């Protein structure tokens, strides 16, 4: 049973930084393309950033230049370093893993709130 467990969310002031982690339990993360999504209240879930099994990255225009996605396969963990956070970044952030393009797993999500 594959599990994705997010951590690191919280409350931060505008302009601040926060780092999220996503740990894969039950399988080998090197076999997966990974991504971060987010969902704000009343809005659809949207892609934030992706990182392939070869560490090729892609970012949404909304976060490009402010967020950095990375992975450490030796720790079965993916990260999202977020800087210069804005109120519009407030959302529940979800971790996604896709095995060989066939099976998708999701984490439970972690809340990020940007507010003064």
PDB file of N, CA and C in Angstrom:
ATOM      1  N   UNK A   1       0.843  -1.184   0.000  1.00  0.00           N
ATOM      2  CA  UNK A   1       0.000   0.000   0.000  1.00  0.00           C
ATOM      3  C   UNK A   1       0.887   1.245   0.000  1.00  0.00           C
ATOM      4  N   UNK A   2       0.767   2.054  -1.050  1.00  0.00           N
ATOM      5  CA  UNK A   2       1.571   3.268  -1.145  1.00  0.00           C
ATOM      6  C   UNK A   2       0.864   4.396  -0.398  1.00  0.00           C
ATOM      7  N   UNK A   3       1.627   5.092   0.414  1.00  0.00           N
ATOM      8  CA  UNK A   3       1.106   6.273   1.114  1.00  0.00           C
ATOM      9  C   UNK A   3       2.016   7.460   0.837  1.00  0.00           C
ATOM     10  N   UNK A   4       1.409   8.620   0.668  1.00  0.00           N
ATOM     11  CA  UNK A   4       2.134   9.873   0.557  1.00  0.00           C
ATOM     12  C   UNK A   4       1.735  10.740   1.738  1.00  0.00           C
ATOM     13  N   UNK A   5       2.736  11.164   2.510  1.00  0.00           N
ATOM     14  CA  UNK A   5       2.469  11.900   3.732  1.00  0.00           C
ATOM     15  C   UNK A   5       3.124  13.264   3.647  1.00  0.00           C
ATOM     16  N   UNK A   6       2.276  14.310   3.592  1.00  0.00           N
ATOM     17  CA  UNK A   6       2.787  15.686   3.527  1.00  0.00           C
ATOM     18  C   UNK A   6       3.002  16.229   4.931  1.00  0.00           C
ATOM     19  N   UNK A   7       3.950  17.153   5.021  1.00  0.00           N
ATOM     20  CA  UNK A   7       4.177  17.863   6.280  1.00  0.00           C
ATOM     21  C   UNK A   7       4.785  19.219   5.972  1.00  0.00           C
ATOM     22  N   UNK A   8       4.742  20.105   6.970  1.00  0.00           N
ATOM     23  CA  UNK A   8       5.412  21.398   6.831  1.00  0.00           C
ATOM     24  C   UNK A   8       4.499  22.575   6.596  1.00  0.00           C
ATOM     25  N   UNK A   9       3.221  22.351   6.470  1.00  0.00           N
ATOM     26  CA  UNK A   9       2.309  23.471   6.277  1.00  0.00           C
ATOM     27  C   UNK A   9       2.181  24.307   7.538  1.00  0.00           C
ATOM     28  N   UNK A  10       1.516  25.466   7.396  1.00  0.00           N
ATOM     29  CA  UNK A  10       1.304  26.321   8.548  1.00  0.00           C
ATOM     30  C   UNK A  10       0.911  27.710   8.145  1.00  0.00           C
ATOM     31  N   UNK A  11       1.021  28.621   9.101  1.00  0.00           N
ATOM     32  CA  UNK A  11       0.675  30.029   8.899  1.00  0.00           C
ATOM     33  C   UNK A  11       1.951  30.840   8.739  1.00  0.00           C
ATOM     34  N   UNK A  12       1.986  31.669   7.714  1.00  0.00           N
ATOM     35  CA  UNK A  12       3.159  32.501   7.463  1.00  0.00           C
ATOM     36  C   UNK A  12       2.697  33.861   6.976  1.00  0.00           C
ATOM     37  N   UNK A  13       3.465  34.882   7.282  1.00  0.00           N
ATOM     38  CA  UNK A  13       3.126  36.238   6.841  1.00  0.00           C
ATOM     39  C   UNK A  13       3.498  36.438   5.370  1.00  0.00           C
ATOM     40  N   UNK A  14       2.829  37.357   4.691  1.00  0.00           N
ATOM     41  CA  UNK A  14       3.214  37.664   3.308  1.00  0.00           C
ATOM     42  C   UNK A  14       4.691  38.018   3.212  1.00  0.00           C
ATOM     43  N   UNK A  15       5.324  37.476   2.175  1.00  0.00           N
ATOM     44  CA  UNK A  15       6.753  37.676   2.007  1.00  0.00           C
ATOM     45  C   UNK A  15       7.608  36.626   2.689  1.00  0.00           C
ATOM     46  N   UNK A  16       6.977  35.795   3.487  1.00  0.00           N
ATOM     47  CA  UNK A  16       7.706  34.772   4.221  1.00  0.00           C
ATOM     48  C   UNK A  16       7.969  33.520   3.402  1.00  0.00           C
ATOM     49  N   UNK A  17       8.595  32.541   4.053  1.00  0.00           N
ATOM     50  CA  UNK A  17       8.974  31.292   3.401  1.00  0.00           C
ATOM     51  C   UNK A  17       8.455  30.102   4.188  1.00  0.00           C
ATOM     52  N   UNK A  18       8.277  29.017   3.476  1.00  0.00           N
ATOM     53  CA  UNK A  18       7.816  27.782   4.099  1.00  0.00           C
ATOM     54  C   UNK A  18       8.306  26.621   3.242  1.00  0.00           C
ATOM     55  N   UNK A  19       8.595  25.502   3.882  1.00  0.00           N
ATOM     56  CA  UNK A  19       9.054  24.333   3.157  1.00  0.00           C
ATOM     57  C   UNK A  19       8.140  23.153   3.438  1.00  0.00           C
ATOM     58  N   UNK A  20       7.669  22.503   2.386  1.00  0.00           N
ATOM     59  CA  UNK A  20       6.816  21.327   2.515  1.00  0.00           C
ATOM     60  C   UNK A  20       7.618  20.064   2.173  1.00  0.00           C
ATOM     61  N   UNK A  21       7.222  18.972   2.801  1.00  0.00           N
ATOM     62  CA  UNK A  21       7.822  17.670   2.512  1.00  0.00           C
ATOM     63  C   UNK A  21       6.730  16.676   2.188  1.00  0.00           C
ATOM     64  N   UNK A  22       7.074  15.704   1.364  1.00  0.00           N
ATOM     65  CA  UNK A  22       6.156  14.622   1.033  1.00  0.00           C
ATOM     66  C   UNK A  22       6.958  13.321   1.083  1.00  0.00           C
ATOM     67  N   UNK A  23       6.640  12.474   2.040  1.00  0.00           N
ATOM     68  CA  UNK A  23       7.339  11.211   2.189  1.00  0.00           C
ATOM     69  C   UNK A  23       6.521  10.089   1.579  1.00  0.00           C
ATOM     70  N   UNK A  24       7.149   9.269   0.763  1.00  0.00           N
ATOM     71  CA  UNK A  24       6.496   8.083   0.209  1.00  0.00           C
ATOM     72  C   UNK A  24       6.781   6.889   1.103  1.00  0.00           C
ATOM     73  N   UNK A  25       5.711   6.220   1.488  1.00  0.00           N
ATOM     74  CA  UNK A  25       5.814   5.025   2.324  1.00  0.00           C
ATOM     75  C   UNK A  25       5.232   3.851   1.559  1.00  0.00           C
ATOM     76  N   UNK A  26       5.985   2.763   1.526  1.00  0.00           N
ATOM     77  CA  UNK A  26       5.454   1.546   0.924  1.00  0.00           C
ATOM     78  C   UNK A  26       5.920   1.254  -0.479  1.00  0.00           C
ATOM     79  N   UNK A  27       6.748   2.140  -1.055  1.00  0.00           N
ATOM     80  CA  UNK A  27       7.269   1.860  -2.378  1.00  0.00           C
ATOM     81  C   UNK A  27       8.540   2.670  -2.600  1.00  0.00           C
ATOM     82  N   UNK A  28       9.124   2.525  -3.802  1.00  0.00           N
ATOM     83  CA  UNK A  28      10.389   3.179  -4.109  1.00  0.00           C
ATOM     84  C   UNK A  28      10.110   4.398  -4.963  1.00  0.00           C
ATOM     85  N   UNK A  29      10.435   5.584  -4.463  1.00  0.00           N
ATOM     86  CA  UNK A  29      10.050   6.812  -5.134  1.00  0.00           C
ATOM     87  C   UNK A  29      10.760   7.027  -6.462  1.00  0.00           C
ATOM     88  N   UNK A  30      11.892   6.358  -6.680  1.00  0.00           N
ATOM     89  CA  UNK A  30      12.607   6.524  -7.945  1.00  0.00           C
ATOM     90  C   UNK A  30      11.765   6.092  -9.139  1.00  0.00           C
ATOM     91  N   UNK A  31      10.748   5.288  -8.909  1.00  0.00           N
ATOM     92  CA  UNK A  31       9.904   4.802  -9.989  1.00  0.00           C
ATOM     93  C   UNK A  31       8.784   5.769 -10.355  1.00  0.00           C
ATOM     94  N   UNK A  32       8.727   6.900  -9.645  1.00  0.00           N
ATOM     95  CA  UNK A  32       7.593   7.795  -9.767  1.00  0.00           C
ATOM     96  C   UNK A  32       7.965   9.172 -10.304  1.00  0.00           C
ATOM     97  N   UNK A  33       7.082   9.732 -11.131  1.00  0.00           N
ATOM     98  CA  UNK A  33       7.064  11.164 -11.367  1.00  0.00           C
ATOM     99  C   UNK A  33       6.240  11.767 -10.230  1.00  0.00           C
ATOM    100  N   UNK A  34       6.709  12.879  -9.701  1.00  0.00           N
ATOM    101  CA  UNK A  34       6.081  13.479  -8.519  1.00  0.00           C
ATOM    102  C   UNK A  34       5.624  14.902  -8.827  1.00  0.00           C
ATOM    103  N   UNK A  35       4.678  15.378  -8.033  1.00  0.00           N
ATOM    104  CA  UNK A  35       4.178  16.737  -8.241  1.00  0.00           C
ATOM    105  C   UNK A  35       3.537  17.276  -6.970  1.00  0.00           C
ATOM    106  N   UNK A  36       3.449  18.580  -6.923  1.00  0.00           N
ATOM    107  CA  UNK A  36       2.673  19.285  -5.904  1.00  0.00           C
ATOM    108  C   UNK A  36       1.494  19.967  -6.597  1.00  0.00           C
ATOM    109  N   UNK A  37       0.325  19.817  -6.007  1.00  0.00           N
ATOM    110  CA  UNK A  37      -0.882  20.521  -6.415  1.00  0.00           C
ATOM    111  C   UNK A  37      -1.386  21.330  -5.229  1.00  0.00           C
ATOM    112  N   UNK A  38      -2.289  22.249  -5.507  1.00  0.00           N
ATOM    113  CA  UNK A  38      -2.922  22.992  -4.416  1.00  0.00           C
ATOM    114  C   UNK A  38      -4.378  23.277  -4.766  1.00  0.00           C
ATOM    115  N   UNK A  39      -5.166  23.447  -3.725  1.00  0.00           N
ATOM    116  CA  UNK A  39      -6.576  23.753  -3.897  1.00  0.00           C
ATOM    117  C   UNK A  39      -6.992  24.796  -2.888  1.00  0.00           C
ATOM    118  N   UNK A  40      -7.382  25.946  -3.400  1.00  0.00           N
ATOM    119  CA  UNK A  40      -7.876  27.025  -2.553  1.00  0.00           C
ATOM    120  C   UNK A  40      -9.384  26.868  -2.377  1.00  0.00           C
ATOM    121  N   UNK A  41      -9.948  27.446  -1.331  1.00  0.00           N
ATOM    122  CA  UNK A  41     -11.396  27.331  -1.101  1.00  0.00           C
ATOM    123  C   UNK A  41     -12.195  27.821  -2.302  1.00  0.00           C
ATOM    124  N   UNK A  42     -13.118  26.999  -2.745  1.00  0.00           N
ATOM    125  CA  UNK A  42     -13.984  27.371  -3.853  1.00  0.00           C
ATOM    126  C   UNK A  42     -13.354  27.275  -5.216  1.00  0.00           C
ATOM    127  N   UNK A  43     -12.128  26.768  -5.278  1.00  0.00           N
ATOM    128  CA  UNK A  43     -11.425  26.676  -6.566  1.00  0.00           C
ATOM    129  C   UNK A  43     -11.053  25.233  -6.865  1.00  0.00           C
ATOM    130  N   UNK A  44     -10.740  24.975  -8.124  1.00  0.00           N
ATOM    131  CA  UNK A  44     -10.317  23.644  -8.519  1.00  0.00           C
ATOM    132  C   UNK A  44      -8.861  23.404  -8.114  1.00  0.00           C
ATOM    133  N   UNK A  45      -8.518  22.136  -7.981  1.00  0.00           N
ATOM    134  CA  UNK A  45      -7.131  21.783  -7.692  1.00  0.00           C
ATOM    135  C   UNK A  45      -6.270  22.141  -8.905  1.00  0.00           C
ATOM    136  N   UNK A  46      -5.116  22.740  -8.636  1.00  0.00           N
ATOM    137  CA  UNK A  46      -4.245  23.166  -9.723  1.00  0.00           C
ATOM    138  C   UNK A  46      -2.821  22.686  -9.503  1.00  0.00           C
ATOM    139  N   UNK A  47      -2.135  22.469 -10.610  1.00  0.00           N
ATOM    140  CA  UNK A  47      -0.740  22.047 -10.550  1.00  0.00           C
ATOM    141  C   UNK A  47       0.136  23.199 -10.090  1.00  0.00           C
ATOM    142  N   UNK A  48       1.042  22.908  -9.170  1.00  0.00           N
ATOM    143  CA  UNK A  48       2.016  23.892  -8.700  1.00  0.00           C
ATOM    144  C   UNK A  48       3.367  23.633  -9.354  1.00  0.00           C
ATOM    145  N   UNK A  49       3.863  22.400  -9.232  1.00  0.00           N
ATOM    146  CA  UNK A  49       5.174  22.060  -9.762  1.00  0.00           C
ATOM    147  C   UNK A  49       5.271  20.548  -9.937  1.00  0.00           C
ATOM    148  N   UNK A  50       6.103  20.151 -10.907  1.00  0.00           N
ATOM    149  CA  UNK A  50       6.318  18.736 -11.186  1.00  0.00           C
ATOM    150  C   UNK A  50       7.804  18.436 -11.186  1.00  0.00           C
ATOM    151  N   UNK A  51       8.142  17.193 -10.865  1.00  0.00           N
ATOM    152  CA  UNK A  51       9.517  16.735 -10.997  1.00  0.00           C
ATOM    153  C   UNK A  51       9.474  15.279 -11.452  1.00  0.00           C
ATOM    154  N   UNK A  52      10.125  15.005 -12.565  1.00  0.00           N
ATOM    155  CA  UNK A  52      10.076  13.656 -13.115  1.00  0.00           C
ATOM    156  C   UNK A  52      11.039  12.730 -12.363  1.00  0.00           C
ATOM    157  N   UNK A  53      11.018  11.459 -12.744  1.00  0.00           N
ATOM    158  CA  UNK A  53      11.931  10.509 -12.114  1.00  0.00           C
ATOM    159  C   UNK A  53      13.380  10.814 -12.478  1.00  0.00           C
ATOM    160  N   UNK A  54      13.588  11.653 -13.508  1.00  0.00           N
ATOM    161  CA  UNK A  54      14.934  12.084 -13.878  1.00  0.00           C
ATOM    162  C   UNK A  54      15.214  13.508 -13.392  1.00  0.00           C
ATOM    163  N   UNK A  55      14.365  13.990 -12.482  1.00  0.00           N
ATOM    164  CA  UNK A  55      14.525  15.314 -11.856  1.00  0.00           C
ATOM    165  C   UNK A  55      14.383  16.474 -12.824  1.00  0.00           C
ATOM    166  N   UNK A  56      13.628  16.287 -13.885  1.00  0.00           N
ATOM    167  CA  UNK A  56      13.262  17.403 -14.758  1.00  0.00           C
ATOM    168  C   UNK A  56      12.070  18.109 -14.115  1.00  0.00           C
ATOM    169  N   UNK A  57      12.156  19.419 -14.005  1.00  0.00           N
ATOM    170  CA  UNK A  57      11.145  20.165 -13.270  1.00  0.00           C
ATOM    171  C   UNK A  57      10.307  21.060 -14.177  1.00  0.00           C
ATOM    172  N   UNK A  58       9.120  21.362 -13.691  1.00  0.00           N
ATOM    173  CA  UNK A  58       8.200  22.252 -14.390  1.00  0.00           C
ATOM    174  C   UNK A  58       7.378  22.984 -13.340  1.00  0.00           C
ATOM    175  N   UNK A  59       7.111  24.270 -13.585  1.00  0.00           N
ATOM    176  CA  UNK A  59       6.391  25.092 -12.615  1.00  0.00           C
ATOM    177  C   UNK A  59       5.219  25.809 -13.277  1.00  0.00           C
ATOM    178  N   UNK A  60       4.186  26.064 -12.488  1.00  0.00           N
ATOM    179  CA  UNK A  60       3.117  26.911 -12.975  1.00  0.00           C
ATOM    180  C   UNK A  60       3.626  28.346 -13.024  1.00  0.00           C
ATOM    181  N   UNK A  61       3.029  29.145 -13.876  1.00  0.00           N
ATOM    182  CA  UNK A  61       3.447  30.545 -13.986  1.00  0.00           C
ATOM    183  C   UNK A  61       3.257  31.287 -12.668  1.00  0.00           C
ATOM    184  N   UNK A  62       2.272  30.864 -11.885  1.00  0.00           N
ATOM    185  CA  UNK A  62       1.954  31.558 -10.638  1.00  0.00           C
ATOM    186  C   UNK A  62       3.074  31.460  -9.600  1.00  0.00           C
ATOM    187  N   UNK A  63       3.886  30.398  -9.692  1.00  0.00           N
ATOM    188  CA  UNK A  63       4.899  30.186  -8.657  1.00  0.00           C
ATOM    189  C   UNK A  63       6.320  30.214  -9.196  1.00  0.00           C
ATOM    190  N   UNK A  64       6.466  30.312 -10.515  1.00  0.00           N
ATOM    191  CA  UNK A  64       7.798  30.275 -11.129  1.00  0.00           C
ATOM    192  C   UNK A  64       8.666  31.395 -10.556  1.00  0.00           C
ATOM    193  N   UNK A  65       9.867  31.036 -10.156  1.00  0.00           N
ATOM    194  CA  UNK A  65      10.786  32.007  -9.579  1.00  0.00           C
ATOM    195  C   UNK A  65      10.647  32.173  -8.078  1.00  0.00           C
ATOM    196  N   UNK A  66       9.586  31.622  -7.494  1.00  0.00           N
ATOM    197  CA  UNK A  66       9.390  31.737  -6.042  1.00  0.00           C
ATOM    198  C   UNK A  66       9.442  30.373  -5.353  1.00  0.00           C
ATOM    199  N   UNK A  67       9.008  29.346  -6.035  1.00  0.00           N
ATOM    200  CA  UNK A  67       8.971  27.998  -5.453  1.00  0.00           C
ATOM    201  C   UNK A  67      10.031  27.117  -6.118  1.00  0.00           C
ATOM    202  N   UNK A  68      10.548  26.159  -5.351  1.00  0.00           N
ATOM    203  CA  UNK A  68      11.510  25.199  -5.881  1.00  0.00           C
ATOM    204  C   UNK A  68      11.104  23.793  -5.463  1.00  0.00           C
ATOM    205  N   UNK A  69      10.937  22.930  -6.439  1.00  0.00           N
ATOM    206  CA  UNK A  69      10.612  21.535  -6.168  1.00  0.00           C
ATOM    207  C   UNK A  69      11.884  20.712  -6.258  1.00  0.00           C
ATOM    208  N   UNK A  70      12.010  19.727  -5.381  1.00  0.00           N
ATOM    209  CA  UNK A  70      13.188  18.863  -5.403  1.00  0.00           C
ATOM    210  C   UNK A  70      12.803  17.501  -4.832  1.00  0.00           C
ATOM    211  N   UNK A  71      13.710  16.559  -4.992  1.00  0.00           N
ATOM    212  CA  UNK A  71      13.462  15.227  -4.459  1.00  0.00           C
ATOM    213  C   UNK A  71      14.756  14.613  -3.971  1.00  0.00           C
ATOM    214  N   UNK A  72      14.643  13.774  -2.955  1.00  0.00           N
ATOM    215  CA  UNK A  72      15.761  13.002  -2.447  1.00  0.00           C
ATOM    216  C   UNK A  72      15.293  11.563  -2.407  1.00  0.00           C
ATOM    217  N   UNK A  73      15.622  10.823  -3.456  1.00  0.00           N
ATOM    218  CA  UNK A  73      15.123   9.452  -3.556  1.00  0.00           C
ATOM    219  C   UNK A  73      15.713   8.545  -2.477  1.00  0.00           C
ATOM    220  N   UNK A  74      16.864   8.899  -1.955  1.00  0.00           N
ATOM    221  CA  UNK A  74      17.452   8.082  -0.888  1.00  0.00           C
ATOM    222  C   UNK A  74      16.621   8.168   0.390  1.00  0.00           C
ATOM    223  N   UNK A  75      15.846   9.262   0.504  1.00  0.00           N
ATOM    224  CA  UNK A  75      14.971   9.438   1.662  1.00  0.00           C
ATOM    225  C   UNK A  75      13.502   9.253   1.294  1.00  0.00           C
ATOM    226  N   UNK A  76      13.231   8.850   0.056  1.00  0.00           N
ATOM    227  CA  UNK A  76      11.845   8.678  -0.425  1.00  0.00           C
ATOM    228  C   UNK A  76      11.021   9.936  -0.150  1.00  0.00           C
ATOM    229  N   UNK A  77      11.614  11.082  -0.354  1.00  0.00           N
ATOM    230  CA  UNK A  77      10.958  12.337   0.020  1.00  0.00           C
ATOM    231  C   UNK A  77      11.084  13.380  -1.086  1.00  0.00           C
ATOM    232  N   UNK A  78      10.000  14.096  -1.306  1.00  0.00           N
ATOM    233  CA  UNK A  78       9.968  15.228  -2.227  1.00  0.00           C
ATOM    234  C   UNK A  78       9.749  16.496  -1.400  1.00  0.00           C
ATOM    235  N   UNK A  79      10.251  17.608  -1.911  1.00  0.00           N
ATOM    236  CA  UNK A  79      10.168  18.863  -1.172  1.00  0.00           C
ATOM    237  C   UNK A  79       9.592  19.979  -2.050  1.00  0.00           C
ATOM    238  N   UNK A  80       9.042  20.989  -1.374  1.00  0.00           N
ATOM    239  CA  UNK A  80       8.649  22.223  -2.055  1.00  0.00           C
ATOM    240  C   UNK A  80       9.092  23.384  -1.176  1.00  0.00           C
ATOM    241  N   UNK A  81      10.093  24.095  -1.633  1.00  0.00           N
ATOM    242  CA  UNK A  81      10.569  25.279  -0.932  1.00  0.00           C
ATOM    243  C   UNK A  81       9.823  26.470  -1.503  1.00  0.00           C
ATOM    244  N   UNK A  82       9.114  27.185  -0.638  1.00  0.00           N
ATOM    245  CA  UNK A  82       8.285  28.305  -1.070  1.00  0.00           C
ATOM    246  C   UNK A  82       8.824  29.590  -0.464  1.00  0.00           C
ATOM    247  N   UNK A  83       9.083  30.583  -1.285  1.00  0.00           N
ATOM    248  CA  UNK A  83       9.571  31.873  -0.822  1.00  0.00           C
ATOM    249  C   UNK A  83       8.673  32.987  -1.335  1.00  0.00           C
ATOM    250  N   UNK A  84       8.825  34.167  -0.743  1.00  0.00           N
ATOM    251  CA  UNK A  84       8.037  35.326  -1.136  1.00  0.00           C
ATOM    252  C   UNK A  84       6.549  34.964  -1.247  1.00  0.00           C
ATOM    253  N   UNK A  85       6.057  34.326  -0.223  1.00  0.00           N
ATOM    254  CA  UNK A  85       4.674  33.861  -0.244  1.00  0.00           C
ATOM    255  C   UNK A  85       3.693  35.016  -0.238  1.00  0.00           C
ATOM    256  N   UNK A  86       2.578  34.807  -0.942  1.00  0.00           N
ATOM    257  CA  UNK A  86       1.544  35.823  -1.084  1.00  0.00           C
ATOM    258  C   UNK A  86       0.216  35.248  -0.594  1.00  0.00           C
ATOM    259  N   UNK A  87      -0.719  36.098  -0.208  1.00  0.00           N
ATOM    260  CA  UNK A  87      -2.019  35.594   0.271  1.00  0.00           C
ATOM    261  C   UNK A  87      -2.688  34.656  -0.722  1.00  0.00           C
ATOM    262  N   UNK A  88      -2.471  34.882  -2.014  1.00  0.00           N
ATOM    263  CA  UNK A  88      -3.097  34.008  -3.011  1.00  0.00           C
ATOM    264  C   UNK A  88      -2.464  32.626  -3.067  1.00  0.00           C
ATOM    265  N   UNK A  89      -1.384  32.411  -2.340  1.00  0.00           N
ATOM    266  CA  UNK A  89      -0.801  31.076  -2.225  1.00  0.00           C
ATOM    267  C   UNK A  89      -1.515  30.240  -1.169  1.00  0.00           C
ATOM    268  N   UNK A  90      -2.413  30.843  -0.438  1.00  0.00           N
ATOM    269  CA  UNK A  90      -3.157  30.122   0.589  1.00  0.00           C
ATOM    270  C   UNK A  90      -3.994  29.016  -0.043  1.00  0.00           C
ATOM    271  N   UNK A  91      -3.783  27.790   0.444  1.00  0.00           N
ATOM    272  CA  UNK A  91      -4.466  26.632  -0.126  1.00  0.00           C
ATOM    273  C   UNK A  91      -4.073  25.390   0.662  1.00  0.00           C
ATOM    274  N   UNK A  92      -4.758  24.307   0.373  1.00  0.00           N
ATOM    275  CA  UNK A  92      -4.292  22.998   0.823  1.00  0.00           C
ATOM    276  C   UNK A  92      -3.375  22.460  -0.275  1.00  0.00           C
ATOM    277  N   UNK A  93      -2.173  22.061   0.121  1.00  0.00           N
ATOM    278  CA  UNK A  93      -1.175  21.568  -0.828  1.00  0.00           C
ATOM    279  C   UNK A  93      -1.138  20.045  -0.762  1.00  0.00           C
ATOM    280  N   UNK A  94      -1.228  19.439  -1.948  1.00  0.00           N
ATOM    281  CA  UNK A  94      -1.278  17.988  -2.053  1.00  0.00           C
ATOM    282  C   UNK A  94      -0.060  17.463  -2.807  1.00  0.00           C
ATOM    283  N   UNK A  95       0.409  16.342  -2.373  1.00  0.00           N
ATOM    284  CA  UNK A  95       1.497  15.623  -3.018  1.00  0.00           C
ATOM    285  C   UNK A  95       0.888  14.558  -3.941  1.00  0.00           C
ATOM    286  N   UNK A  96       1.454  14.421  -5.132  1.00  0.00           N
ATOM    287  CA  UNK A  96       0.998  13.410  -6.086  1.00  0.00           C
ATOM    288  C   UNK A  96       2.175  12.590  -6.574  1.00  0.00           C
ATOM    289  N   UNK A  97       1.943  11.283  -6.700  1.00  0.00           N
ATOM    290  CA  UNK A  97       2.948  10.411  -7.299  1.00  0.00           C
ATOM    291  C   UNK A  97       2.314   9.576  -8.395  1.00  0.00           C
ATOM    292  N   UNK A  98       2.976   9.475  -9.539  1.00  0.00           N
ATOM    293  CA  UNK A  98       2.460   8.693 -10.661  1.00  0.00           C
ATOM    294  C   UNK A  98       3.476   7.619 -11.014  1.00  0.00           C
ATOM    295  N   UNK A  99       3.026   6.375 -10.933  1.00  0.00           N
ATOM    296  CA  UNK A  99       3.895   5.232 -11.215  1.00  0.00           C
ATOM    297  C   UNK A  99       3.807   4.866 -12.679  1.00  0.00           C
ATOM    298  N   UNK A 100       4.914   5.039 -13.404  1.00  0.00           N
ATOM    299  CA  UNK A 100       5.032   4.658 -14.806  1.00  0.00           C
ATOM    300  C   UNK A 100       3.868   5.168 -15.653  1.00  0.00           C
ATOM    301  N   UNK A 101       3.307   6.292 -15.302  1.00  0.00           N
ATOM    302  CA  UNK A 101       2.206   6.875 -16.057  1.00  0.00           C
ATOM    303  C   UNK A 101       0.894   6.128 -15.940  1.00  0.00           C
ATOM    304  N   UNK A 102       0.833   5.166 -15.033  1.00  0.00           N
ATOM    305  CA  UNK A 102      -0.332   4.291 -14.975  1.00  0.00           C
ATOM    306  C   UNK A 102      -1.178   4.468 -13.728  1.00  0.00           C
ATOM    307  N   UNK A 103      -0.520   4.610 -12.567  1.00  0.00           N
ATOM    308  CA  UNK A 103      -1.264   4.651 -11.300  1.00  0.00           C
ATOM    309  C   UNK A 103      -0.898   5.926 -10.569  1.00  0.00           C
ATOM    310  N   UNK A 104      -1.930   6.624 -10.096  1.00  0.00           N
ATOM    311  CA  UNK A 104      -1.740   7.899  -9.401  1.00  0.00           C
ATOM    312  C   UNK A 104      -2.106   7.764  -7.937  1.00  0.00           C
ATOM    313  N   UNK A 105      -1.233   8.292  -7.096  1.00  0.00           N
ATOM    314  CA  UNK A 105      -1.483   8.341  -5.653  1.00  0.00           C
ATOM    315  C   UNK A 105      -1.477   9.787  -5.192  1.00  0.00           C
ATOM    316  N   UNK A 106      -2.288  10.050  -4.173  1.00  0.00           N
ATOM    317  CA  UNK A 106      -2.382  11.388  -3.597  1.00  0.00           C
ATOM    318  C   UNK A 106      -2.162  11.324  -2.092  1.00  0.00           C
ATOM    319  N   UNK A 107      -1.570  12.390  -1.569  1.00  0.00           N
ATOM    320  CA  UNK A 107      -1.510  12.545  -0.129  1.00  0.00           C
ATOM    321  C   UNK A 107      -2.784  13.188   0.383  1.00  0.00           C
ATOM    322  N   UNK A 108      -2.850  13.337   1.699  1.00  0.00           N
ATOM    323  CA  UNK A 108      -4.042  13.907   2.336  1.00  0.00           C
ATOM    324  C   UNK A 108      -4.064  15.424   2.301  1.00  0.00           C
ATOM    325  N   UNK A 109      -2.927  16.040   2.074  1.00  0.00           N
ATOM    326  CA  UNK A 109      -2.868  17.487   1.989  1.00  0.00           C
ATOM    327  C   UNK A 109      -2.377  18.140   3.265  1.00  0.00           C
ATOM    328  N   UNK A 110      -1.781  19.312   3.094  1.00  0.00           N
ATOM    329  CA  UNK A 110      -1.332  20.112   4.231  1.00  0.00           C
ATOM    330  C   UNK A 110      -1.711  21.573   3.965  1.00  0.00           C
ATOM    331  N   UNK A 111      -2.238  22.233   4.984  1.00  0.00           N
ATOM    332  CA  UNK A 111      -2.741  23.592   4.830  1.00  0.00           C
ATOM    333  C   UNK A 111      -1.608  24.606   4.888  1.00  0.00           C
ATOM    334  N   UNK A 112      -1.600  25.507   3.928  1.00  0.00           N
ATOM    335  CA  UNK A 112      -0.698  26.654   3.926  1.00  0.00           C
ATOM    336  C   UNK A 112      -1.557  27.913   3.926  1.00  0.00           C
ATOM    337  N   UNK A 113      -1.346  28.753   4.927  1.00  0.00           N
ATOM    338  CA  UNK A 113      -2.099  30.003   5.041  1.00  0.00           C
ATOM    339  C   UNK A 113      -1.124  31.168   5.078  1.00  0.00           C
ATOM    340  N   UNK A 114      -1.308  32.099   4.163  1.00  0.00           N
ATOM    341  CA  UNK A 114      -0.453  33.280   4.091  1.00  0.00           C
ATOM    342  C   UNK A 114      -1.301  34.485   4.485  1.00  0.00           C
ATOM    343  N   UNK A 115      -1.003  35.025   5.640  1.00  0.00           N
ATOM    344  CA  UNK A 115      -1.823  36.105   6.171  1.00  0.00           C
ATOM    345  C   UNK A 115      -1.044  36.892   7.201  1.00  0.00           C
ATOM    346  N   UNK A 116      -1.331  38.190   7.276  1.00  0.00           N
ATOM    347  CA  UNK A 116      -0.722  39.030   8.309  1.00  0.00           C
ATOM    348  C   UNK A 116      -1.649  39.133   9.521  1.00  0.00           C
TER     349      UNK A 116
END
